[in-house]
PDBML (XML) file of the C-alpha atoms, coordinates in Angstrom:
<?xml version="1.0" encoding="UTF-8" ?>
<PDBx:datablock datablockName="MODEL"
   xmlns:PDBx="http://pdbml.pdb.org/schema/pdbx-v50.xsd"
   xmlns:xsi="http://www.w3.org/2001/XMLSchema-instance"
   xsi:schemaLocation="http://pdbml.pdb.org/schema/pdbx-v50.xsd pdbx-v50.xsd">
   <PDBx:atom_siteCategory>
      <PDBx:atom_site id="1">
         <PDBx:B_iso_or_equiv>0.00</PDBx:B_iso_or_equiv>
         <PDBx:Cartn_x>19.374</PDBx:Cartn_x>
         <PDBx:Cartn_y>-6.232</PDBx:Cartn_y>
         <PDBx:Cartn_z>12.942</PDBx:Cartn_z>
         <PDBx:auth_asym_id>A</PDBx:auth_asym_id>
         <PDBx:auth_atom_id>CA</PDBx:auth_atom_id>
         <PDBx:auth_comp_id>LEU</PDBx:auth_comp_id>
         <PDBx:auth_seq_id>1</PDBx:auth_seq_id>
         <PDBx:group_PDB>ATOM</PDBx:group_PDB>
         <PDBx:label_alt_id xsi:nil="true" />
         <PDBx:label_asym_id>A</PDBx:label_asym_id>
         <PDBx:label_atom_id>CA</PDBx:label_atom_id>
         <PDBx:label_comp_id>LEU</PDBx:label_comp_id>
         <PDBx:label_entity_id>1</PDBx:label_entity_id>
         <PDBx:label_seq_id>1</PDBx:label_seq_id>
         <PDBx:occupancy>1.00</PDBx:occupancy>
         <PDBx:pdbx_PDB_model_num>1</PDBx:pdbx_PDB_model_num>
         <PDBx:type_symbol>C</PDBx:type_symbol>
      </PDBx:atom_site>
      <PDBx:atom_site id="2">
         <PDBx:B_iso_or_equiv>0.00</PDBx:B_iso_or_equiv>
         <PDBx:Cartn_x>19.465</PDBx:Cartn_x>
         <PDBx:Cartn_y>-3.791</PDBx:Cartn_y>
         <PDBx:Cartn_z>15.303</PDBx:Cartn_z>
         <PDBx:auth_asym_id>A</PDBx:auth_asym_id>
         <PDBx:auth_atom_id>CA</PDBx:auth_atom_id>
         <PDBx:auth_comp_id>ASP</PDBx:auth_comp_id>
         <PDBx:auth_seq_id>2</PDBx:auth_seq_id>
         <PDBx:group_PDB>ATOM</PDBx:group_PDB>
         <PDBx:label_alt_id xsi:nil="true" />
         <PDBx:label_asym_id>A</PDBx:label_asym_id>
         <PDBx:label_atom_id>CA</PDBx:label_atom_id>
         <PDBx:label_comp_id>ASP</PDBx:label_comp_id>
         <PDBx:label_entity_id>1</PDBx:label_entity_id>
         <PDBx:label_seq_id>2</PDBx:label_seq_id>
         <PDBx:occupancy>1.00</PDBx:occupancy>
         <PDBx:pdbx_PDB_model_num>1</PDBx:pdbx_PDB_model_num>
         <PDBx:type_symbol>C</PDBx:type_symbol>
      </PDBx:atom_site>
      <PDBx:atom_site id="3">
         <PDBx:B_iso_or_equiv>0.00</PDBx:B_iso_or_equiv>
         <PDBx:Cartn_x>18.685</PDBx:Cartn_x>
         <PDBx:Cartn_y>-5.763</PDBx:Cartn_y>
         <PDBx:Cartn_z>18.279</PDBx:Cartn_z>
         <PDBx:auth_asym_id>A</PDBx:auth_asym_id>
         <PDBx:auth_atom_id>CA</PDBx:auth_atom_id>
         <PDBx:auth_comp_id>THR</PDBx:auth_comp_id>
         <PDBx:auth_seq_id>3</PDBx:auth_seq_id>
         <PDBx:group_PDB>ATOM</PDBx:group_PDB>
         <PDBx:label_alt_id xsi:nil="true" />
         <PDBx:label_asym_id>A</PDBx:label_asym_id>
         <PDBx:label_atom_id>CA</PDBx:label_atom_id>
         <PDBx:label_comp_id>THR</PDBx:label_comp_id>
         <PDBx:label_entity_id>1</PDBx:label_entity_id>
         <PDBx:label_seq_id>3</PDBx:label_seq_id>
         <PDBx:occupancy>1.00</PDBx:occupancy>
         <PDBx:pdbx_PDB_model_num>1</PDBx:pdbx_PDB_model_num>
         <PDBx:type_symbol>C</PDBx:type_symbol>
      </PDBx:atom_site>
      <PDBx:atom_site id="4">
         <PDBx:B_iso_or_equiv>0.00</PDBx:B_iso_or_equiv>
         <PDBx:Cartn_x>18.674</PDBx:Cartn_x>
         <PDBx:Cartn_y>-9.011</PDBx:Cartn_y>
         <PDBx:Cartn_z>19.939</PDBx:Cartn_z>
         <PDBx:auth_asym_id>A</PDBx:auth_asym_id>
         <PDBx:auth_atom_id>CA</PDBx:auth_atom_id>
         <PDBx:auth_comp_id>VAL</PDBx:auth_comp_id>
         <PDBx:auth_seq_id>4</PDBx:auth_seq_id>
         <PDBx:group_PDB>ATOM</PDBx:group_PDB>
         <PDBx:label_alt_id xsi:nil="true" />
         <PDBx:label_asym_id>A</PDBx:label_asym_id>
         <PDBx:label_atom_id>CA</PDBx:label_atom_id>
         <PDBx:label_comp_id>VAL</PDBx:label_comp_id>
         <PDBx:label_entity_id>1</PDBx:label_entity_id>
         <PDBx:label_seq_id>4</PDBx:label_seq_id>
         <PDBx:occupancy>1.00</PDBx:occupancy>
         <PDBx:pdbx_PDB_model_num>1</PDBx:pdbx_PDB_model_num>
         <PDBx:type_symbol>C</PDBx:type_symbol>
      </PDBx:atom_site>
      <PDBx:atom_site id="5">
         <PDBx:B_iso_or_equiv>0.00</PDBx:B_iso_or_equiv>
         <PDBx:Cartn_x>16.744</PDBx:Cartn_x>
         <PDBx:Cartn_y>-10.107</PDBx:Cartn_y>
         <PDBx:Cartn_z>23.304</PDBx:Cartn_z>
         <PDBx:auth_asym_id>A</PDBx:auth_asym_id>
         <PDBx:auth_atom_id>CA</PDBx:auth_atom_id>
         <PDBx:auth_comp_id>VAL</PDBx:auth_comp_id>
         <PDBx:auth_seq_id>5</PDBx:auth_seq_id>
         <PDBx:group_PDB>ATOM</PDBx:group_PDB>
         <PDBx:label_alt_id xsi:nil="true" />
         <PDBx:label_asym_id>A</PDBx:label_asym_id>
         <PDBx:label_atom_id>CA</PDBx:label_atom_id>
         <PDBx:label_comp_id>VAL</PDBx:label_comp_id>
         <PDBx:label_entity_id>1</PDBx:label_entity_id>
         <PDBx:label_seq_id>5</PDBx:label_seq_id>
         <PDBx:occupancy>1.00</PDBx:occupancy>
         <PDBx:pdbx_PDB_model_num>1</PDBx:pdbx_PDB_model_num>
         <PDBx:type_symbol>C</PDBx:type_symbol>
      </PDBx:atom_site>
      <PDBx:atom_site id="6">
         <PDBx:B_iso_or_equiv>0.00</PDBx:B_iso_or_equiv>
         <PDBx:Cartn_x>18.015</PDBx:Cartn_x>
         <PDBx:Cartn_y>-13.267</PDBx:Cartn_y>
         <PDBx:Cartn_z>24.711</PDBx:Cartn_z>
         <PDBx:auth_asym_id>A</PDBx:auth_asym_id>
         <PDBx:auth_atom_id>CA</PDBx:auth_atom_id>
         <PDBx:auth_comp_id>GLU</PDBx:auth_comp_id>
         <PDBx:auth_seq_id>6</PDBx:auth_seq_id>
         <PDBx:group_PDB>ATOM</PDBx:group_PDB>
         <PDBx:label_alt_id xsi:nil="true" />
         <PDBx:label_asym_id>A</PDBx:label_asym_id>
         <PDBx:label_atom_id>CA</PDBx:label_atom_id>
         <PDBx:label_comp_id>GLU</PDBx:label_comp_id>
         <PDBx:label_entity_id>1</PDBx:label_entity_id>
         <PDBx:label_seq_id>6</PDBx:label_seq_id>
         <PDBx:occupancy>1.00</PDBx:occupancy>
         <PDBx:pdbx_PDB_model_num>1</PDBx:pdbx_PDB_model_num>
         <PDBx:type_symbol>C</PDBx:type_symbol>
      </PDBx:atom_site>
      <PDBx:atom_site id="7">
         <PDBx:B_iso_or_equiv>0.00</PDBx:B_iso_or_equiv>
         <PDBx:Cartn_x>14.928</PDBx:Cartn_x>
         <PDBx:Cartn_y>-15.505</PDBx:Cartn_y>
         <PDBx:Cartn_z>26.448</PDBx:Cartn_z>
         <PDBx:auth_asym_id>A</PDBx:auth_asym_id>
         <PDBx:auth_atom_id>CA</PDBx:auth_atom_id>
         <PDBx:auth_comp_id>LEU</PDBx:auth_comp_id>
         <PDBx:auth_seq_id>7</PDBx:auth_seq_id>
         <PDBx:group_PDB>ATOM</PDBx:group_PDB>
         <PDBx:label_alt_id xsi:nil="true" />
         <PDBx:label_asym_id>A</PDBx:label_asym_id>
         <PDBx:label_atom_id>CA</PDBx:label_atom_id>
         <PDBx:label_comp_id>LEU</PDBx:label_comp_id>
         <PDBx:label_entity_id>1</PDBx:label_entity_id>
         <PDBx:label_seq_id>7</PDBx:label_seq_id>
         <PDBx:occupancy>1.00</PDBx:occupancy>
         <PDBx:pdbx_PDB_model_num>1</PDBx:pdbx_PDB_model_num>
         <PDBx:type_symbol>C</PDBx:type_symbol>
      </PDBx:atom_site>
      <PDBx:atom_site id="8">
         <PDBx:B_iso_or_equiv>0.00</PDBx:B_iso_or_equiv>
         <PDBx:Cartn_x>15.026</PDBx:Cartn_x>
         <PDBx:Cartn_y>-17.784</PDBx:Cartn_y>
         <PDBx:Cartn_z>29.090</PDBx:Cartn_z>
         <PDBx:auth_asym_id>A</PDBx:auth_asym_id>
         <PDBx:auth_atom_id>CA</PDBx:auth_atom_id>
         <PDBx:auth_comp_id>PRO</PDBx:auth_comp_id>
         <PDBx:auth_seq_id>8</PDBx:auth_seq_id>
         <PDBx:group_PDB>ATOM</PDBx:group_PDB>
         <PDBx:label_alt_id xsi:nil="true" />
         <PDBx:label_asym_id>A</PDBx:label_asym_id>
         <PDBx:label_atom_id>CA</PDBx:label_atom_id>
         <PDBx:label_comp_id>PRO</PDBx:label_comp_id>
         <PDBx:label_entity_id>1</PDBx:label_entity_id>
         <PDBx:label_seq_id>8</PDBx:label_seq_id>
         <PDBx:occupancy>1.00</PDBx:occupancy>
         <PDBx:pdbx_PDB_model_num>1</PDBx:pdbx_PDB_model_num>
         <PDBx:type_symbol>C</PDBx:type_symbol>
      </PDBx:atom_site>
      <PDBx:atom_site id="9">
         <PDBx:B_iso_or_equiv>0.00</PDBx:B_iso_or_equiv>
         <PDBx:Cartn_x>13.163</PDBx:Cartn_x>
         <PDBx:Cartn_y>-20.169</PDBx:Cartn_y>
         <PDBx:Cartn_z>26.643</PDBx:Cartn_z>
         <PDBx:auth_asym_id>A</PDBx:auth_asym_id>
         <PDBx:auth_atom_id>CA</PDBx:auth_atom_id>
         <PDBx:auth_comp_id>VAL</PDBx:auth_comp_id>
         <PDBx:auth_seq_id>9</PDBx:auth_seq_id>
         <PDBx:group_PDB>ATOM</PDBx:group_PDB>
         <PDBx:label_alt_id xsi:nil="true" />
         <PDBx:label_asym_id>A</PDBx:label_asym_id>
         <PDBx:label_atom_id>CA</PDBx:label_atom_id>
         <PDBx:label_comp_id>VAL</PDBx:label_comp_id>
         <PDBx:label_entity_id>1</PDBx:label_entity_id>
         <PDBx:label_seq_id>9</PDBx:label_seq_id>
         <PDBx:occupancy>1.00</PDBx:occupancy>
         <PDBx:pdbx_PDB_model_num>1</PDBx:pdbx_PDB_model_num>
         <PDBx:type_symbol>C</PDBx:type_symbol>
      </PDBx:atom_site>
      <PDBx:atom_site id="10">
         <PDBx:B_iso_or_equiv>0.00</PDBx:B_iso_or_equiv>
         <PDBx:Cartn_x>14.075</PDBx:Cartn_x>
         <PDBx:Cartn_y>-21.796</PDBx:Cartn_y>
         <PDBx:Cartn_z>23.538</PDBx:Cartn_z>
         <PDBx:auth_asym_id>A</PDBx:auth_asym_id>
         <PDBx:auth_atom_id>CA</PDBx:auth_atom_id>
         <PDBx:auth_comp_id>SER</PDBx:auth_comp_id>
         <PDBx:auth_seq_id>10</PDBx:auth_seq_id>
         <PDBx:group_PDB>ATOM</PDBx:group_PDB>
         <PDBx:label_alt_id xsi:nil="true" />
         <PDBx:label_asym_id>A</PDBx:label_asym_id>
         <PDBx:label_atom_id>CA</PDBx:label_atom_id>
         <PDBx:label_comp_id>SER</PDBx:label_comp_id>
         <PDBx:label_entity_id>1</PDBx:label_entity_id>
         <PDBx:label_seq_id>10</PDBx:label_seq_id>
         <PDBx:occupancy>1.00</PDBx:occupancy>
         <PDBx:pdbx_PDB_model_num>1</PDBx:pdbx_PDB_model_num>
         <PDBx:type_symbol>C</PDBx:type_symbol>
      </PDBx:atom_site>
      <PDBx:atom_site id="11">
         <PDBx:B_iso_or_equiv>0.00</PDBx:B_iso_or_equiv>
         <PDBx:Cartn_x>10.470</PDBx:Cartn_x>
         <PDBx:Cartn_y>-22.008</PDBx:Cartn_y>
         <PDBx:Cartn_z>21.434</PDBx:Cartn_z>
         <PDBx:auth_asym_id>A</PDBx:auth_asym_id>
         <PDBx:auth_atom_id>CA</PDBx:auth_atom_id>
         <PDBx:auth_comp_id>GLN</PDBx:auth_comp_id>
         <PDBx:auth_seq_id>11</PDBx:auth_seq_id>
         <PDBx:group_PDB>ATOM</PDBx:group_PDB>
         <PDBx:label_alt_id xsi:nil="true" />
         <PDBx:label_asym_id>A</PDBx:label_asym_id>
         <PDBx:label_atom_id>CA</PDBx:label_atom_id>
         <PDBx:label_comp_id>GLN</PDBx:label_comp_id>
         <PDBx:label_entity_id>1</PDBx:label_entity_id>
         <PDBx:label_seq_id>11</PDBx:label_seq_id>
         <PDBx:occupancy>1.00</PDBx:occupancy>
         <PDBx:pdbx_PDB_model_num>1</PDBx:pdbx_PDB_model_num>
         <PDBx:type_symbol>C</PDBx:type_symbol>
      </PDBx:atom_site>
      <PDBx:atom_site id="12">
         <PDBx:B_iso_or_equiv>0.00</PDBx:B_iso_or_equiv>
         <PDBx:Cartn_x>9.621</PDBx:Cartn_x>
         <PDBx:Cartn_y>-18.198</PDBx:Cartn_y>
         <PDBx:Cartn_z>21.152</PDBx:Cartn_z>
         <PDBx:auth_asym_id>A</PDBx:auth_asym_id>
         <PDBx:auth_atom_id>CA</PDBx:auth_atom_id>
         <PDBx:auth_comp_id>VAL</PDBx:auth_comp_id>
         <PDBx:auth_seq_id>12</PDBx:auth_seq_id>
         <PDBx:group_PDB>ATOM</PDBx:group_PDB>
         <PDBx:label_alt_id xsi:nil="true" />
         <PDBx:label_asym_id>A</PDBx:label_asym_id>
         <PDBx:label_atom_id>CA</PDBx:label_atom_id>
         <PDBx:label_comp_id>VAL</PDBx:label_comp_id>
         <PDBx:label_entity_id>1</PDBx:label_entity_id>
         <PDBx:label_seq_id>12</PDBx:label_seq_id>
         <PDBx:occupancy>1.00</PDBx:occupancy>
         <PDBx:pdbx_PDB_model_num>1</PDBx:pdbx_PDB_model_num>
         <PDBx:type_symbol>C</PDBx:type_symbol>
      </PDBx:atom_site>
      <PDBx:atom_site id="13">
         <PDBx:B_iso_or_equiv>0.00</PDBx:B_iso_or_equiv>
         <PDBx:Cartn_x>6.290</PDBx:Cartn_x>
         <PDBx:Cartn_y>-17.795</PDBx:Cartn_y>
         <PDBx:Cartn_z>18.983</PDBx:Cartn_z>
         <PDBx:auth_asym_id>A</PDBx:auth_asym_id>
         <PDBx:auth_atom_id>CA</PDBx:auth_atom_id>
         <PDBx:auth_comp_id>THR</PDBx:auth_comp_id>
         <PDBx:auth_seq_id>13</PDBx:auth_seq_id>
         <PDBx:group_PDB>ATOM</PDBx:group_PDB>
         <PDBx:label_alt_id xsi:nil="true" />
         <PDBx:label_asym_id>A</PDBx:label_asym_id>
         <PDBx:label_atom_id>CA</PDBx:label_atom_id>
         <PDBx:label_comp_id>THR</PDBx:label_comp_id>
         <PDBx:label_entity_id>1</PDBx:label_entity_id>
         <PDBx:label_seq_id>13</PDBx:label_seq_id>
         <PDBx:occupancy>1.00</PDBx:occupancy>
         <PDBx:pdbx_PDB_model_num>1</PDBx:pdbx_PDB_model_num>
         <PDBx:type_symbol>C</PDBx:type_symbol>
      </PDBx:atom_site>
      <PDBx:atom_site id="14">
         <PDBx:B_iso_or_equiv>0.00</PDBx:B_iso_or_equiv>
         <PDBx:Cartn_x>5.392</PDBx:Cartn_x>
         <PDBx:Cartn_y>-14.420</PDBx:Cartn_y>
         <PDBx:Cartn_z>18.590</PDBx:Cartn_z>
         <PDBx:auth_asym_id>A</PDBx:auth_asym_id>
         <PDBx:auth_atom_id>CA</PDBx:auth_atom_id>
         <PDBx:auth_comp_id>SER</PDBx:auth_comp_id>
         <PDBx:auth_seq_id>14</PDBx:auth_seq_id>
         <PDBx:group_PDB>ATOM</PDBx:group_PDB>
         <PDBx:label_alt_id xsi:nil="true" />
         <PDBx:label_asym_id>A</PDBx:label_asym_id>
         <PDBx:label_atom_id>CA</PDBx:label_atom_id>
         <PDBx:label_comp_id>SER</PDBx:label_comp_id>
         <PDBx:label_entity_id>1</PDBx:label_entity_id>
         <PDBx:label_seq_id>14</PDBx:label_seq_id>
         <PDBx:occupancy>1.00</PDBx:occupancy>
         <PDBx:pdbx_PDB_model_num>1</PDBx:pdbx_PDB_model_num>
         <PDBx:type_symbol>C</PDBx:type_symbol>
      </PDBx:atom_site>
      <PDBx:atom_site id="15">
         <PDBx:B_iso_or_equiv>0.00</PDBx:B_iso_or_equiv>
         <PDBx:Cartn_x>5.565</PDBx:Cartn_x>
         <PDBx:Cartn_y>-11.029</PDBx:Cartn_y>
         <PDBx:Cartn_z>20.529</PDBx:Cartn_z>
         <PDBx:auth_asym_id>A</PDBx:auth_asym_id>
         <PDBx:auth_atom_id>CA</PDBx:auth_atom_id>
         <PDBx:auth_comp_id>CYS</PDBx:auth_comp_id>
         <PDBx:auth_seq_id>15</PDBx:auth_seq_id>
         <PDBx:group_PDB>ATOM</PDBx:group_PDB>
         <PDBx:label_alt_id xsi:nil="true" />
         <PDBx:label_asym_id>A</PDBx:label_asym_id>
         <PDBx:label_atom_id>CA</PDBx:label_atom_id>
         <PDBx:label_comp_id>CYS</PDBx:label_comp_id>
         <PDBx:label_entity_id>1</PDBx:label_entity_id>
         <PDBx:label_seq_id>15</PDBx:label_seq_id>
         <PDBx:occupancy>1.00</PDBx:occupancy>
         <PDBx:pdbx_PDB_model_num>1</PDBx:pdbx_PDB_model_num>
         <PDBx:type_symbol>C</PDBx:type_symbol>
      </PDBx:atom_site>
      <PDBx:atom_site id="16">
         <PDBx:B_iso_or_equiv>0.00</PDBx:B_iso_or_equiv>
         <PDBx:Cartn_x>3.093</PDBx:Cartn_x>
         <PDBx:Cartn_y>-7.939</PDBx:Cartn_y>
         <PDBx:Cartn_z>20.684</PDBx:Cartn_z>
         <PDBx:auth_asym_id>A</PDBx:auth_asym_id>
         <PDBx:auth_atom_id>CA</PDBx:auth_atom_id>
         <PDBx:auth_comp_id>ALA</PDBx:auth_comp_id>
         <PDBx:auth_seq_id>16</PDBx:auth_seq_id>
         <PDBx:group_PDB>ATOM</PDBx:group_PDB>
         <PDBx:label_alt_id xsi:nil="true" />
         <PDBx:label_asym_id>A</PDBx:label_asym_id>
         <PDBx:label_atom_id>CA</PDBx:label_atom_id>
         <PDBx:label_comp_id>ALA</PDBx:label_comp_id>
         <PDBx:label_entity_id>1</PDBx:label_entity_id>
         <PDBx:label_seq_id>16</PDBx:label_seq_id>
         <PDBx:occupancy>1.00</PDBx:occupancy>
         <PDBx:pdbx_PDB_model_num>1</PDBx:pdbx_PDB_model_num>
         <PDBx:type_symbol>C</PDBx:type_symbol>
      </PDBx:atom_site>
      <PDBx:atom_site id="17">
         <PDBx:B_iso_or_equiv>0.00</PDBx:B_iso_or_equiv>
         <PDBx:Cartn_x>3.502</PDBx:Cartn_x>
         <PDBx:Cartn_y>-4.235</PDBx:Cartn_y>
         <PDBx:Cartn_z>22.251</PDBx:Cartn_z>
         <PDBx:auth_asym_id>A</PDBx:auth_asym_id>
         <PDBx:auth_atom_id>CA</PDBx:auth_atom_id>
         <PDBx:auth_comp_id>PHE</PDBx:auth_comp_id>
         <PDBx:auth_seq_id>17</PDBx:auth_seq_id>
         <PDBx:group_PDB>ATOM</PDBx:group_PDB>
         <PDBx:label_alt_id xsi:nil="true" />
         <PDBx:label_asym_id>A</PDBx:label_asym_id>
         <PDBx:label_atom_id>CA</PDBx:label_atom_id>
         <PDBx:label_comp_id>PHE</PDBx:label_comp_id>
         <PDBx:label_entity_id>1</PDBx:label_entity_id>
         <PDBx:label_seq_id>17</PDBx:label_seq_id>
         <PDBx:occupancy>1.00</PDBx:occupancy>
         <PDBx:pdbx_PDB_model_num>1</PDBx:pdbx_PDB_model_num>
         <PDBx:type_symbol>C</PDBx:type_symbol>
      </PDBx:atom_site>
      <PDBx:atom_site id="18">
         <PDBx:B_iso_or_equiv>0.00</PDBx:B_iso_or_equiv>
         <PDBx:Cartn_x>1.253</PDBx:Cartn_x>
         <PDBx:Cartn_y>-3.342</PDBx:Cartn_y>
         <PDBx:Cartn_z>25.444</PDBx:Cartn_z>
         <PDBx:auth_asym_id>A</PDBx:auth_asym_id>
         <PDBx:auth_atom_id>CA</PDBx:auth_atom_id>
         <PDBx:auth_comp_id>GLY</PDBx:auth_comp_id>
         <PDBx:auth_seq_id>18</PDBx:auth_seq_id>
         <PDBx:group_PDB>ATOM</PDBx:group_PDB>
         <PDBx:label_alt_id xsi:nil="true" />
         <PDBx:label_asym_id>A</PDBx:label_asym_id>
         <PDBx:label_atom_id>CA</PDBx:label_atom_id>
         <PDBx:label_comp_id>GLY</PDBx:label_comp_id>
         <PDBx:label_entity_id>1</PDBx:label_entity_id>
         <PDBx:label_seq_id>18</PDBx:label_seq_id>
         <PDBx:occupancy>1.00</PDBx:occupancy>
         <PDBx:pdbx_PDB_model_num>1</PDBx:pdbx_PDB_model_num>
         <PDBx:type_symbol>C</PDBx:type_symbol>
      </PDBx:atom_site>
      <PDBx:atom_site id="19">
         <PDBx:B_iso_or_equiv>0.00</PDBx:B_iso_or_equiv>
         <PDBx:Cartn_x>1.565</PDBx:Cartn_x>
         <PDBx:Cartn_y>-1.741</PDBx:Cartn_y>
         <PDBx:Cartn_z>28.257</PDBx:Cartn_z>
         <PDBx:auth_asym_id>A</PDBx:auth_asym_id>
         <PDBx:auth_atom_id>CA</PDBx:auth_atom_id>
         <PDBx:auth_comp_id>GLY</PDBx:auth_comp_id>
         <PDBx:auth_seq_id>19</PDBx:auth_seq_id>
         <PDBx:group_PDB>ATOM</PDBx:group_PDB>
         <PDBx:label_alt_id xsi:nil="true" />
         <PDBx:label_asym_id>A</PDBx:label_asym_id>
         <PDBx:label_atom_id>CA</PDBx:label_atom_id>
         <PDBx:label_comp_id>GLY</PDBx:label_comp_id>
         <PDBx:label_entity_id>1</PDBx:label_entity_id>
         <PDBx:label_seq_id>19</PDBx:label_seq_id>
         <PDBx:occupancy>1.00</PDBx:occupancy>
         <PDBx:pdbx_PDB_model_num>1</PDBx:pdbx_PDB_model_num>
         <PDBx:type_symbol>C</PDBx:type_symbol>
      </PDBx:atom_site>
      <PDBx:atom_site id="20">
         <PDBx:B_iso_or_equiv>0.00</PDBx:B_iso_or_equiv>
         <PDBx:Cartn_x>-0.250</PDBx:Cartn_x>
         <PDBx:Cartn_y>1.763</PDBx:Cartn_y>
         <PDBx:Cartn_z>29.564</PDBx:Cartn_z>
         <PDBx:auth_asym_id>A</PDBx:auth_asym_id>
         <PDBx:auth_atom_id>CA</PDBx:auth_atom_id>
         <PDBx:auth_comp_id>PRO</PDBx:auth_comp_id>
         <PDBx:auth_seq_id>20</PDBx:auth_seq_id>
         <PDBx:group_PDB>ATOM</PDBx:group_PDB>
         <PDBx:label_alt_id xsi:nil="true" />
         <PDBx:label_asym_id>A</PDBx:label_asym_id>
         <PDBx:label_atom_id>CA</PDBx:label_atom_id>
         <PDBx:label_comp_id>PRO</PDBx:label_comp_id>
         <PDBx:label_entity_id>1</PDBx:label_entity_id>
         <PDBx:label_seq_id>20</PDBx:label_seq_id>
         <PDBx:occupancy>1.00</PDBx:occupancy>
         <PDBx:pdbx_PDB_model_num>1</PDBx:pdbx_PDB_model_num>
         <PDBx:type_symbol>C</PDBx:type_symbol>
      </PDBx:atom_site>
      <PDBx:atom_site id="21">
         <PDBx:B_iso_or_equiv>0.00</PDBx:B_iso_or_equiv>
         <PDBx:Cartn_x>2.246</PDBx:Cartn_x>
         <PDBx:Cartn_y>3.469</PDBx:Cartn_y>
         <PDBx:Cartn_z>27.374</PDBx:Cartn_z>
         <PDBx:auth_asym_id>A</PDBx:auth_asym_id>
         <PDBx:auth_atom_id>CA</PDBx:auth_atom_id>
         <PDBx:auth_comp_id>ASP</PDBx:auth_comp_id>
         <PDBx:auth_seq_id>21</PDBx:auth_seq_id>
         <PDBx:group_PDB>ATOM</PDBx:group_PDB>
         <PDBx:label_alt_id xsi:nil="true" />
         <PDBx:label_asym_id>A</PDBx:label_asym_id>
         <PDBx:label_atom_id>CA</PDBx:label_atom_id>
         <PDBx:label_comp_id>ASP</PDBx:label_comp_id>
         <PDBx:label_entity_id>1</PDBx:label_entity_id>
         <PDBx:label_seq_id>21</PDBx:label_seq_id>
         <PDBx:occupancy>1.00</PDBx:occupancy>
         <PDBx:pdbx_PDB_model_num>1</PDBx:pdbx_PDB_model_num>
         <PDBx:type_symbol>C</PDBx:type_symbol>
      </PDBx:atom_site>
      <PDBx:atom_site id="22">
         <PDBx:B_iso_or_equiv>0.00</PDBx:B_iso_or_equiv>
         <PDBx:Cartn_x>2.847</PDBx:Cartn_x>
         <PDBx:Cartn_y>0.681</PDBx:Cartn_y>
         <PDBx:Cartn_z>25.091</PDBx:Cartn_z>
         <PDBx:auth_asym_id>A</PDBx:auth_asym_id>
         <PDBx:auth_atom_id>CA</PDBx:auth_atom_id>
         <PDBx:auth_comp_id>LEU</PDBx:auth_comp_id>
         <PDBx:auth_seq_id>22</PDBx:auth_seq_id>
         <PDBx:group_PDB>ATOM</PDBx:group_PDB>
         <PDBx:label_alt_id xsi:nil="true" />
         <PDBx:label_asym_id>A</PDBx:label_asym_id>
         <PDBx:label_atom_id>CA</PDBx:label_atom_id>
         <PDBx:label_comp_id>LEU</PDBx:label_comp_id>
         <PDBx:label_entity_id>1</PDBx:label_entity_id>
         <PDBx:label_seq_id>22</PDBx:label_seq_id>
         <PDBx:occupancy>1.00</PDBx:occupancy>
         <PDBx:pdbx_PDB_model_num>1</PDBx:pdbx_PDB_model_num>
         <PDBx:type_symbol>C</PDBx:type_symbol>
      </PDBx:atom_site>
      <PDBx:atom_site id="23">
         <PDBx:B_iso_or_equiv>0.00</PDBx:B_iso_or_equiv>
         <PDBx:Cartn_x>6.497</PDBx:Cartn_x>
         <PDBx:Cartn_y>0.542</PDBx:Cartn_y>
         <PDBx:Cartn_z>25.839</PDBx:Cartn_z>
         <PDBx:auth_asym_id>A</PDBx:auth_asym_id>
         <PDBx:auth_atom_id>CA</PDBx:auth_atom_id>
         <PDBx:auth_comp_id>ASP</PDBx:auth_comp_id>
         <PDBx:auth_seq_id>23</PDBx:auth_seq_id>
         <PDBx:group_PDB>ATOM</PDBx:group_PDB>
         <PDBx:label_alt_id xsi:nil="true" />
         <PDBx:label_asym_id>A</PDBx:label_asym_id>
         <PDBx:label_atom_id>CA</PDBx:label_atom_id>
         <PDBx:label_comp_id>ASP</PDBx:label_comp_id>
         <PDBx:label_entity_id>1</PDBx:label_entity_id>
         <PDBx:label_seq_id>23</PDBx:label_seq_id>
         <PDBx:occupancy>1.00</PDBx:occupancy>
         <PDBx:pdbx_PDB_model_num>1</PDBx:pdbx_PDB_model_num>
         <PDBx:type_symbol>C</PDBx:type_symbol>
      </PDBx:atom_site>
      <PDBx:atom_site id="24">
         <PDBx:B_iso_or_equiv>0.00</PDBx:B_iso_or_equiv>
         <PDBx:Cartn_x>6.455</PDBx:Cartn_x>
         <PDBx:Cartn_y>-2.991</PDBx:Cartn_y>
         <PDBx:Cartn_z>27.021</PDBx:Cartn_z>
         <PDBx:auth_asym_id>A</PDBx:auth_asym_id>
         <PDBx:auth_atom_id>CA</PDBx:auth_atom_id>
         <PDBx:auth_comp_id>GLU</PDBx:auth_comp_id>
         <PDBx:auth_seq_id>24</PDBx:auth_seq_id>
         <PDBx:group_PDB>ATOM</PDBx:group_PDB>
         <PDBx:label_alt_id xsi:nil="true" />
         <PDBx:label_asym_id>A</PDBx:label_asym_id>
         <PDBx:label_atom_id>CA</PDBx:label_atom_id>
         <PDBx:label_comp_id>GLU</PDBx:label_comp_id>
         <PDBx:label_entity_id>1</PDBx:label_entity_id>
         <PDBx:label_seq_id>24</PDBx:label_seq_id>
         <PDBx:occupancy>1.00</PDBx:occupancy>
         <PDBx:pdbx_PDB_model_num>1</PDBx:pdbx_PDB_model_num>
         <PDBx:type_symbol>C</PDBx:type_symbol>
      </PDBx:atom_site>
   </PDBx:atom_siteCategory>
</PDBx:datablock>
């Protein structure tokens, strides 16, 4: 386990990188 991102929502469904530099 390297990183934990805390979010303001409980039902988190998925994630993907984007942005012009793919760093978001």
